[in-house]
N, C-alpha and C. Protein backbone atom coordinates (compact mmCIF):
# COMPACT_ATOMS: atom_id res chain seq x y z
N MET A 1 114.16 88.84 66.68
CA MET A 1 114.66 89.66 67.76
C MET A 1 113.53 90.50 68.37
N LYS A 2 112.70 91.08 67.49
CA LYS A 2 111.59 91.89 67.99
C LYS A 2 110.60 91.04 68.76
N ILE A 3 110.39 89.82 68.31
CA ILE A 3 109.45 88.93 69.00
C ILE A 3 109.99 88.57 70.38
N THR A 4 111.28 88.33 70.47
CA THR A 4 111.90 88.00 71.77
C THR A 4 111.73 89.16 72.74
N LEU A 5 111.99 90.37 72.29
CA LEU A 5 111.82 91.54 73.15
C LEU A 5 110.37 91.72 73.57
N ALA A 6 109.45 91.46 72.65
CA ALA A 6 108.02 91.58 72.97
C ALA A 6 107.62 90.55 74.02
N VAL A 7 108.14 89.33 73.89
CA VAL A 7 107.82 88.28 74.86
C VAL A 7 108.39 88.63 76.23
N ILE A 8 109.63 89.12 76.27
CA ILE A 8 110.25 89.49 77.54
C ILE A 8 109.49 90.65 78.18
N PHE A 9 109.13 91.64 77.37
CA PHE A 9 108.40 92.80 77.88
C PHE A 9 107.04 92.37 78.44
N THR A 10 106.33 91.51 77.72
CA THR A 10 105.02 91.03 78.17
C THR A 10 105.16 90.21 79.45
N ALA A 11 106.19 89.37 79.52
CA ALA A 11 106.40 88.56 80.72
C ALA A 11 106.68 89.44 81.92
N CYS A 12 107.47 90.48 81.72
CA CYS A 12 107.77 91.40 82.84
C CYS A 12 106.51 92.13 83.29
N ALA A 13 105.68 92.55 82.33
CA ALA A 13 104.45 93.25 82.68
C ALA A 13 103.50 92.34 83.45
N VAL A 14 103.36 91.10 83.00
CA VAL A 14 102.48 90.15 83.69
C VAL A 14 103.02 89.85 85.08
N LEU A 15 104.33 89.64 85.18
CA LEU A 15 104.93 89.34 86.48
C LEU A 15 104.76 90.49 87.46
N SER A 16 104.96 91.72 87.01
CA SER A 16 104.80 92.86 87.91
C SER A 16 103.35 93.03 88.34
N ALA A 17 102.40 92.74 87.44
CA ALA A 17 100.99 92.83 87.80
C ALA A 17 100.62 91.77 88.83
N VAL A 18 101.17 90.57 88.67
CA VAL A 18 100.89 89.49 89.62
C VAL A 18 101.50 89.81 90.98
N LEU A 19 102.74 90.29 90.98
CA LEU A 19 103.41 90.60 92.24
C LEU A 19 102.75 91.78 92.96
N ALA A 20 102.14 92.67 92.23
CA ALA A 20 101.49 93.82 92.84
C ALA A 20 100.27 93.40 93.64
N GLU A 21 99.66 92.27 93.28
CA GLU A 21 98.46 91.83 93.97
C GLU A 21 98.74 90.80 95.06
N VAL A 22 99.98 90.35 95.19
CA VAL A 22 100.32 89.38 96.23
C VAL A 22 100.43 90.13 97.56
N PRO A 23 99.65 89.72 98.57
CA PRO A 23 99.76 90.42 99.86
C PRO A 23 101.10 90.12 100.52
N THR A 24 101.70 91.13 101.07
CA THR A 24 103.01 90.96 101.71
C THR A 24 102.89 90.75 103.20
N GLY A 25 101.72 90.97 103.76
CA GLY A 25 101.55 90.81 105.21
C GLY A 25 101.91 92.06 105.99
N MET A 26 102.37 93.07 105.31
CA MET A 26 102.72 94.31 106.00
C MET A 26 101.61 95.32 105.80
N PRO A 27 101.30 96.10 106.84
CA PRO A 27 100.26 97.11 106.67
C PRO A 27 100.74 98.23 105.75
N PRO A 28 99.83 98.93 105.14
CA PRO A 28 100.26 100.03 104.27
C PRO A 28 100.94 101.11 105.10
N PRO A 29 101.84 101.84 104.53
CA PRO A 29 102.53 102.88 105.30
C PRO A 29 101.56 103.99 105.69
N PRO A 30 101.78 104.61 106.85
CA PRO A 30 100.89 105.70 107.26
C PRO A 30 101.11 106.91 106.36
N PRO A 31 100.13 107.81 106.33
CA PRO A 31 100.33 109.04 105.55
C PRO A 31 101.55 109.79 106.06
N PHE A 32 102.17 110.54 105.18
CA PHE A 32 103.40 111.24 105.55
C PHE A 32 103.16 112.15 106.74
N GLY A 33 104.05 112.05 107.71
CA GLY A 33 103.97 112.92 108.88
C GLY A 33 103.13 112.34 110.00
N GLN A 34 102.43 111.25 109.78
CA GLN A 34 101.62 110.64 110.83
C GLN A 34 102.22 109.29 111.18
N GLY A 35 102.34 109.03 112.45
CA GLY A 35 102.82 107.75 112.89
C GLY A 35 104.31 107.56 112.77
N MET A 36 105.01 108.56 112.29
CA MET A 36 106.46 108.42 112.16
C MET A 36 107.14 108.48 113.52
N MET A 37 106.73 109.45 114.32
CA MET A 37 107.35 109.62 115.64
C MET A 37 106.25 109.91 116.65
N PRO A 38 106.44 109.47 117.89
CA PRO A 38 105.46 109.84 118.90
C PRO A 38 105.54 111.34 119.16
N PRO A 39 104.47 111.92 119.69
CA PRO A 39 104.52 113.36 119.96
C PRO A 39 105.60 113.67 120.99
N LEU A 40 106.23 114.80 120.84
CA LEU A 40 107.30 115.18 121.76
C LEU A 40 106.72 115.61 123.10
N PRO A 41 107.38 115.24 124.20
CA PRO A 41 106.92 115.70 125.50
C PRO A 41 107.18 117.19 125.64
N PRO A 42 106.50 117.84 126.58
CA PRO A 42 106.77 119.27 126.77
C PRO A 42 108.22 119.46 127.20
N PRO A 43 108.82 120.56 126.82
CA PRO A 43 110.23 120.77 127.16
C PRO A 43 110.43 120.90 128.67
N LEU A 44 111.50 120.32 129.15
CA LEU A 44 111.82 120.41 130.57
C LEU A 44 112.50 121.74 130.85
N PRO A 45 112.32 122.26 132.07
CA PRO A 45 113.01 123.50 132.39
C PRO A 45 114.51 123.26 132.44
N SER A 46 115.27 124.29 132.17
CA SER A 46 116.72 124.12 132.21
C SER A 46 117.17 123.96 133.65
N ASN A 47 118.32 123.34 133.83
CA ASN A 47 118.85 123.15 135.19
C ASN A 47 119.14 124.48 135.86
N ASP A 48 119.50 125.48 135.06
CA ASP A 48 119.77 126.80 135.63
C ASP A 48 118.52 127.38 136.29
N THR A 49 117.38 127.26 135.62
CA THR A 49 116.13 127.80 136.17
C THR A 49 115.79 127.12 137.48
N VAL A 50 115.84 125.80 137.49
CA VAL A 50 115.51 125.05 138.70
C VAL A 50 116.50 125.39 139.81
N GLY A 51 117.77 125.44 139.48
CA GLY A 51 118.80 125.75 140.49
C GLY A 51 118.60 127.11 141.11
N TRP A 52 118.29 128.10 140.28
CA TRP A 52 118.10 129.45 140.81
C TRP A 52 116.85 129.53 141.69
N GLU A 53 115.81 128.80 141.32
CA GLU A 53 114.60 128.81 142.16
C GLU A 53 114.88 128.16 143.51
N ILE A 54 115.62 127.05 143.51
CA ILE A 54 115.96 126.39 144.77
C ILE A 54 116.86 127.29 145.60
N LEU A 55 117.86 127.89 144.98
CA LEU A 55 118.78 128.77 145.70
C LEU A 55 118.04 129.97 146.28
N GLY A 56 117.14 130.55 145.49
CA GLY A 56 116.36 131.68 145.98
C GLY A 56 115.49 131.32 147.16
N THR A 57 114.95 130.11 147.16
CA THR A 57 114.12 129.66 148.28
C THR A 57 114.96 129.42 149.52
N VAL A 58 116.08 128.74 149.36
CA VAL A 58 116.92 128.38 150.50
C VAL A 58 117.57 129.62 151.12
N MET A 59 117.98 130.56 150.29
CA MET A 59 118.71 131.73 150.79
C MET A 59 117.79 132.87 151.25
N ASN A 60 116.50 132.71 151.12
CA ASN A 60 115.56 133.77 151.50
C ASN A 60 115.54 133.91 153.03
N PRO A 61 116.02 135.04 153.57
CA PRO A 61 116.10 135.18 155.03
C PRO A 61 114.74 135.45 155.68
N THR A 62 113.74 135.80 154.89
CA THR A 62 112.43 136.13 155.49
C THR A 62 111.57 134.90 155.71
N LEU A 63 111.97 133.75 155.21
CA LEU A 63 111.17 132.54 155.36
C LEU A 63 111.67 131.70 156.53
N SER A 64 110.72 131.11 157.24
CA SER A 64 111.11 130.18 158.32
C SER A 64 111.52 128.85 157.69
N ARG A 65 112.05 127.98 158.52
CA ARG A 65 112.50 126.67 158.03
C ARG A 65 111.33 125.87 157.44
N GLU A 66 110.17 125.95 158.09
CA GLU A 66 109.00 125.22 157.60
C GLU A 66 108.51 125.79 156.27
N GLN A 67 108.53 127.11 156.14
CA GLN A 67 108.11 127.73 154.88
C GLN A 67 109.05 127.33 153.74
N LYS A 68 110.35 127.30 154.03
CA LYS A 68 111.31 126.88 153.01
C LYS A 68 111.05 125.44 152.59
N LYS A 69 110.76 124.61 153.59
CA LYS A 69 110.49 123.20 153.31
C LYS A 69 109.26 123.07 152.40
N GLU A 70 108.20 123.84 152.72
CA GLU A 70 106.99 123.79 151.91
C GLU A 70 107.25 124.27 150.48
N GLN A 71 108.00 125.36 150.36
CA GLN A 71 108.28 125.87 149.01
C GLN A 71 109.14 124.90 148.20
N LEU A 72 110.09 124.25 148.87
CA LEU A 72 110.90 123.27 148.16
C LEU A 72 110.05 122.08 147.70
N MET A 73 109.10 121.67 148.53
CA MET A 73 108.21 120.57 148.14
C MET A 73 107.34 120.98 146.95
N GLU A 74 106.92 122.25 146.92
CA GLU A 74 106.15 122.74 145.78
C GLU A 74 107.00 122.73 144.51
N LEU A 75 108.28 123.10 144.65
CA LEU A 75 109.17 123.05 143.49
C LEU A 75 109.36 121.62 142.99
N VAL A 76 109.44 120.68 143.93
CA VAL A 76 109.59 119.27 143.54
C VAL A 76 108.36 118.83 142.75
N LYS A 77 107.18 119.21 143.21
CA LYS A 77 105.95 118.84 142.49
C LYS A 77 105.89 119.53 141.13
N LYS A 78 106.37 120.77 141.08
CA LYS A 78 106.32 121.55 139.84
C LYS A 78 107.24 120.96 138.78
N TYR A 79 108.43 120.52 139.19
CA TYR A 79 109.39 120.00 138.23
C TYR A 79 109.48 118.50 138.30
């Protein structure tokens, strides 16, 4: 019985050593925290902020129509 267990144990050890050296074709995993996710984009402004800026530009009585148009185009480029 002891010989049988020794043979099984040795066979498992040899098999695991052989399988450890067989290439799987997969690259090694990246270090933890790298390559898991792409970097996050910068946060977008909230809709409330954009809406209030547009409303403030449109409702401003001191600006001419052309000035409002220019400011709205700047907001479009900004956001």
